[in-house]
N, C-alpha and C. Protein backbone atom coordinates (compact mmCIF):
# COMPACT_ATOMS: atom_id res chain seq x y z
N MET A 1 13.98 -9.91 -16.26
CA MET A 1 12.75 -9.18 -16.08
C MET A 1 12.30 -8.62 -17.40
N TYR A 2 11.06 -8.74 -17.67
CA TYR A 2 10.45 -8.35 -18.92
C TYR A 2 9.21 -7.48 -18.62
N PHE A 3 9.08 -6.34 -19.25
CA PHE A 3 7.93 -5.49 -19.07
C PHE A 3 7.08 -5.56 -20.34
N ASN A 4 5.82 -5.91 -20.18
CA ASN A 4 4.83 -5.94 -21.22
C ASN A 4 3.85 -4.80 -20.96
N ALA A 5 3.75 -3.85 -21.82
CA ALA A 5 2.86 -2.63 -21.55
C ALA A 5 1.41 -2.89 -21.88
N THR A 6 0.81 -3.76 -21.13
CA THR A 6 -0.59 -4.03 -21.30
C THR A 6 -1.39 -3.05 -20.43
N PRO A 7 -2.66 -2.86 -20.73
CA PRO A 7 -3.47 -1.92 -19.86
C PRO A 7 -3.52 -2.34 -18.38
N THR A 8 -3.51 -3.63 -18.15
CA THR A 8 -3.50 -4.12 -16.75
C THR A 8 -2.19 -3.72 -16.07
N ASN A 9 -1.06 -3.94 -16.73
CA ASN A 9 0.24 -3.62 -16.16
C ASN A 9 0.30 -2.12 -15.91
N MET A 10 -0.17 -1.27 -16.90
CA MET A 10 -0.06 0.17 -16.67
C MET A 10 -0.95 0.64 -15.56
N THR A 11 -2.15 0.02 -15.39
CA THR A 11 -3.00 0.39 -14.23
C THR A 11 -2.32 -0.04 -12.93
N GLU A 12 -1.73 -1.17 -12.90
CA GLU A 12 -0.99 -1.63 -11.68
C GLU A 12 0.12 -0.70 -11.38
N LEU A 13 0.82 -0.20 -12.35
CA LEU A 13 1.93 0.77 -12.12
C LEU A 13 1.40 2.08 -11.54
N LEU A 14 0.19 2.51 -11.97
CA LEU A 14 -0.38 3.69 -11.42
C LEU A 14 -0.73 3.47 -9.93
N VAL A 15 -1.27 2.33 -9.62
CA VAL A 15 -1.56 2.00 -8.19
C VAL A 15 -0.28 1.93 -7.36
N VAL A 16 0.79 1.42 -7.97
CA VAL A 16 2.08 1.40 -7.28
C VAL A 16 2.62 2.80 -7.02
N CYS A 17 2.42 3.69 -8.00
CA CYS A 17 2.84 5.08 -7.86
C CYS A 17 2.13 5.76 -6.63
N LEU A 18 0.83 5.43 -6.54
CA LEU A 18 0.09 5.98 -5.38
C LEU A 18 0.58 5.36 -4.06
N ALA A 19 1.06 4.12 -4.09
CA ALA A 19 1.67 3.55 -2.90
C ALA A 19 2.98 4.22 -2.55
N VAL A 20 3.76 4.59 -3.55
CA VAL A 20 5.02 5.25 -3.28
C VAL A 20 4.69 6.66 -2.61
N VAL A 21 3.68 7.34 -3.11
CA VAL A 21 3.31 8.64 -2.54
C VAL A 21 2.82 8.38 -1.07
N ALA A 22 2.12 7.30 -0.79
CA ALA A 22 1.67 7.00 0.53
C ALA A 22 2.79 6.76 1.50
N VAL A 23 3.84 6.02 1.01
CA VAL A 23 5.00 5.79 1.81
C VAL A 23 5.69 7.12 2.14
N ILE A 24 5.83 8.02 1.17
CA ILE A 24 6.46 9.30 1.38
C ILE A 24 5.67 10.09 2.44
N MET A 25 4.37 10.04 2.36
CA MET A 25 3.54 10.78 3.33
C MET A 25 3.73 10.20 4.73
N LEU A 26 3.86 8.90 4.87
CA LEU A 26 4.03 8.32 6.19
C LEU A 26 5.42 8.57 6.70
N LEU A 27 6.42 8.59 5.81
CA LEU A 27 7.76 8.91 6.26
C LEU A 27 7.89 10.35 6.74
N ARG A 28 7.11 11.24 6.23
CA ARG A 28 7.09 12.66 6.65
C ARG A 28 6.22 12.87 7.90
N LYS A 29 5.75 11.74 8.50
CA LYS A 29 4.93 11.76 9.71
C LYS A 29 3.60 12.48 9.58
N ARG A 30 3.01 12.34 8.40
CA ARG A 30 1.69 12.85 8.19
C ARG A 30 0.71 11.70 8.27
N TYR A 31 0.44 11.37 9.51
CA TYR A 31 -0.36 10.16 9.78
C TYR A 31 -1.80 10.37 9.55
N ASP A 32 -2.24 11.64 9.45
CA ASP A 32 -3.69 11.91 9.21
C ASP A 32 -4.02 12.02 7.72
N SER A 33 -3.08 11.66 6.90
CA SER A 33 -3.26 11.70 5.43
C SER A 33 -4.22 10.54 4.99
N ASN A 34 -5.04 10.83 4.03
CA ASN A 34 -5.96 9.77 3.48
C ASN A 34 -5.35 9.03 2.32
N ILE A 35 -4.18 9.31 1.94
CA ILE A 35 -3.63 8.71 0.71
C ILE A 35 -3.34 7.23 0.94
N PRO A 36 -2.79 6.79 2.08
CA PRO A 36 -2.67 5.34 2.29
C PRO A 36 -4.01 4.55 2.23
N LEU A 37 -5.04 5.20 2.76
CA LEU A 37 -6.35 4.52 2.69
C LEU A 37 -6.87 4.52 1.27
N LEU A 38 -6.65 5.59 0.50
CA LEU A 38 -7.02 5.64 -0.86
C LEU A 38 -6.28 4.56 -1.66
N PHE A 39 -4.97 4.39 -1.35
CA PHE A 39 -4.23 3.35 -2.06
C PHE A 39 -4.82 1.96 -1.76
N TYR A 40 -5.14 1.70 -0.52
CA TYR A 40 -5.65 0.37 -0.19
C TYR A 40 -7.04 0.16 -0.82
N ALA A 41 -7.88 1.20 -0.90
CA ALA A 41 -9.13 1.05 -1.56
C ALA A 41 -8.97 0.76 -3.02
N LEU A 42 -8.00 1.43 -3.72
CA LEU A 42 -7.79 1.12 -5.08
C LEU A 42 -7.10 -0.28 -5.30
N ALA A 43 -6.26 -0.64 -4.34
CA ALA A 43 -5.61 -1.97 -4.42
C ALA A 43 -6.63 -3.09 -4.29
N VAL A 44 -7.63 -2.93 -3.39
CA VAL A 44 -8.61 -3.95 -3.22
C VAL A 44 -9.52 -4.00 -4.49
N MET A 45 -9.85 -2.85 -5.05
CA MET A 45 -10.64 -2.88 -6.28
C MET A 45 -9.85 -3.48 -7.41
N PHE A 46 -8.59 -3.13 -7.52
CA PHE A 46 -7.79 -3.66 -8.62
C PHE A 46 -7.60 -5.18 -8.50
N THR A 47 -7.31 -5.67 -7.30
CA THR A 47 -7.07 -7.10 -7.17
C THR A 47 -8.35 -7.91 -7.35
N ASN A 48 -9.50 -7.31 -7.04
CA ASN A 48 -10.77 -7.98 -7.29
C ASN A 48 -11.14 -7.92 -8.79
N GLY A 49 -10.81 -6.81 -9.43
CA GLY A 49 -11.18 -6.67 -10.86
C GLY A 49 -10.26 -7.36 -11.81
N ALA A 50 -9.00 -7.45 -11.49
CA ALA A 50 -7.99 -8.12 -12.37
C ALA A 50 -7.67 -9.47 -11.80
N ASP A 51 -7.07 -10.30 -12.63
CA ASP A 51 -6.62 -11.60 -12.12
C ASP A 51 -5.22 -11.53 -11.56
N ARG A 52 -5.04 -10.63 -10.62
CA ARG A 52 -3.76 -10.50 -9.96
C ARG A 52 -3.91 -10.59 -8.43
N PRO A 53 -4.03 -11.81 -7.94
CA PRO A 53 -4.27 -11.93 -6.50
C PRO A 53 -3.08 -11.58 -5.67
N ILE A 54 -3.36 -10.95 -4.56
CA ILE A 54 -2.31 -10.64 -3.54
C ILE A 54 -2.74 -11.35 -2.27
N HIS A 55 -1.79 -11.89 -1.57
CA HIS A 55 -2.11 -12.62 -0.36
C HIS A 55 -2.90 -11.76 0.58
N PRO A 56 -4.04 -12.27 1.07
CA PRO A 56 -4.89 -11.43 1.92
C PRO A 56 -4.27 -10.94 3.20
N ALA A 57 -3.33 -11.65 3.76
CA ALA A 57 -2.65 -11.21 4.99
C ALA A 57 -1.83 -9.93 4.72
N ILE A 58 -1.25 -9.87 3.56
CA ILE A 58 -0.50 -8.65 3.21
C ILE A 58 -1.40 -7.49 2.95
N LEU A 59 -2.46 -7.76 2.19
CA LEU A 59 -3.37 -6.67 1.80
C LEU A 59 -4.13 -6.12 2.99
N TYR A 60 -4.81 -6.98 3.72
CA TYR A 60 -5.62 -6.50 4.79
C TYR A 60 -4.84 -6.25 6.10
N GLY A 61 -3.71 -6.85 6.26
CA GLY A 61 -2.91 -6.45 7.43
C GLY A 61 -2.30 -5.05 7.32
N GLY A 62 -1.84 -4.68 6.04
CA GLY A 62 -1.39 -3.30 5.87
C GLY A 62 -2.54 -2.30 6.02
N LEU A 63 -3.70 -2.69 5.50
CA LEU A 63 -4.85 -1.77 5.68
C LEU A 63 -5.22 -1.58 7.11
N ALA A 64 -5.14 -2.67 7.91
CA ALA A 64 -5.45 -2.56 9.34
C ALA A 64 -4.46 -1.59 10.03
N PHE A 65 -3.15 -1.74 9.72
CA PHE A 65 -2.18 -0.84 10.37
C PHE A 65 -2.37 0.61 9.88
N CYS A 66 -2.74 0.81 8.65
CA CYS A 66 -3.03 2.21 8.21
C CYS A 66 -4.26 2.79 8.90
N LEU A 67 -5.24 1.92 9.13
CA LEU A 67 -6.41 2.38 9.85
C LEU A 67 -6.14 2.67 11.31
N LEU A 68 -5.30 1.80 11.91
CA LEU A 68 -4.91 1.96 13.29
C LEU A 68 -4.08 3.23 13.52
N LEU A 69 -3.35 3.60 12.45
CA LEU A 69 -2.52 4.80 12.60
C LEU A 69 -3.31 6.07 12.61
N ARG A 70 -4.62 6.02 12.19
CA ARG A 70 -5.45 7.19 12.20
C ARG A 70 -5.86 7.59 13.63
N PHE A 71 -5.75 6.74 14.59
CA PHE A 71 -6.15 7.06 15.93
C PHE A 71 -5.14 8.01 16.55
N GLU A 72 -5.60 9.03 17.27
CA GLU A 72 -4.77 10.06 17.78
C GLU A 72 -4.37 9.85 19.23
N PHE A 73 -4.96 8.82 19.88
CA PHE A 73 -4.75 8.66 21.29
C PHE A 73 -3.52 7.84 21.62
N MET A 74 -2.80 7.35 20.62
CA MET A 74 -1.63 6.48 20.81
C MET A 74 -0.48 7.38 21.27
N GLY A 75 0.41 6.77 22.01
CA GLY A 75 1.57 7.49 22.40
C GLY A 75 2.59 7.60 21.27
N THR A 76 3.64 8.34 21.51
CA THR A 76 4.63 8.61 20.41
C THR A 76 5.33 7.34 20.03
N GLY A 77 5.79 6.59 20.95
CA GLY A 77 6.55 5.34 20.63
C GLY A 77 5.65 4.29 19.87
N PHE A 78 4.44 4.12 20.39
CA PHE A 78 3.53 3.15 19.79
C PHE A 78 3.13 3.62 18.37
N SER A 79 2.89 4.88 18.22
CA SER A 79 2.51 5.38 16.90
C SER A 79 3.67 5.25 15.87
N LYS A 80 4.89 5.38 16.32
CA LYS A 80 6.04 5.16 15.46
C LYS A 80 6.15 3.69 15.05
N PHE A 81 5.85 2.76 16.02
CA PHE A 81 5.87 1.41 15.71
C PHE A 81 4.77 1.00 14.69
N VAL A 82 3.55 1.54 14.88
CA VAL A 82 2.48 1.25 13.95
C VAL A 82 2.79 1.85 12.61
N ALA A 83 3.43 3.05 12.59
CA ALA A 83 3.81 3.67 11.33
C ALA A 83 4.85 2.85 10.57
N PHE A 84 5.78 2.25 11.39
CA PHE A 84 6.73 1.36 10.75
C PHE A 84 6.05 0.14 10.10
N LEU A 85 5.08 -0.48 10.82
CA LEU A 85 4.41 -1.58 10.33
C LEU A 85 3.54 -1.21 9.07
N ALA A 86 2.92 -0.04 9.14
CA ALA A 86 2.14 0.43 7.96
C ALA A 86 3.05 0.63 6.73
N ASN A 87 4.25 1.24 6.96
CA ASN A 87 5.23 1.42 5.90
C ASN A 87 5.69 0.07 5.38
N ALA A 88 5.94 -0.85 6.25
CA ALA A 88 6.35 -2.20 5.85
C ALA A 88 5.31 -2.88 5.00
N GLY A 89 4.03 -2.68 5.37
CA GLY A 89 2.94 -3.27 4.60
C GLY A 89 2.82 -2.60 3.16
N LEU A 90 3.05 -1.31 3.12
CA LEU A 90 3.05 -0.61 1.84
C LEU A 90 4.17 -1.04 0.95
N VAL A 91 5.38 -1.13 1.51
CA VAL A 91 6.56 -1.56 0.74
C VAL A 91 6.41 -2.99 0.25
N LEU A 92 5.81 -3.86 1.08
CA LEU A 92 5.58 -5.22 0.67
C LEU A 92 4.52 -5.27 -0.48
N MET A 93 3.52 -4.43 -0.40
CA MET A 93 2.54 -4.35 -1.50
C MET A 93 3.21 -3.88 -2.76
N ILE A 94 4.09 -2.87 -2.69
CA ILE A 94 4.83 -2.38 -3.82
C ILE A 94 5.67 -3.53 -4.43
N TRP A 95 6.30 -4.28 -3.58
CA TRP A 95 7.18 -5.41 -4.02
C TRP A 95 6.34 -6.44 -4.78
N VAL A 96 5.20 -6.86 -4.20
CA VAL A 96 4.41 -7.89 -4.85
C VAL A 96 3.80 -7.40 -6.14
N MET A 97 3.34 -6.15 -6.15
CA MET A 97 2.68 -5.65 -7.34
C MET A 97 3.78 -5.46 -8.49
N MET A 98 4.95 -5.03 -8.14
CA MET A 98 5.98 -4.83 -9.17
C MET A 98 6.47 -6.23 -9.64
N SER A 99 6.49 -7.21 -8.79
CA SER A 99 6.88 -8.52 -9.28
C SER A 99 5.84 -9.09 -10.24
N ASP A 100 4.54 -8.75 -10.04
CA ASP A 100 3.54 -9.09 -11.06
C ASP A 100 3.74 -8.40 -12.39
N VAL A 101 4.10 -7.13 -12.29
CA VAL A 101 4.26 -6.36 -13.54
C VAL A 101 5.49 -6.81 -14.34
N LEU A 102 6.54 -7.08 -13.65
CA LEU A 102 7.80 -7.42 -14.30
C LEU A 102 8.03 -8.91 -14.54
N ALA A 103 7.04 -9.69 -14.23
CA ALA A 103 7.14 -11.18 -14.43
C ALA A 103 6.66 -11.60 -15.82
């Protein structure tokens, strides 16, 4: 693994840091937090602005689960399942973005 400190890599690291904060918020069961949605907005802008494509199923699937988590009418078990899928999407985004930075 090699790290090259280019402006694109540093910007991607900042977006990854926001994803880590979003994972922490979801692990603390703060489902009404806007930080995961802010991360996905920045991730979409970053992937469109830079030449760092992320598979659309990963990007928009995770966004869909974070948006679905905002609904308050879900039961406890179903909301935990959706929160798990939202966390899995965020962790997968972190993995893909870090593999781009360290490649």
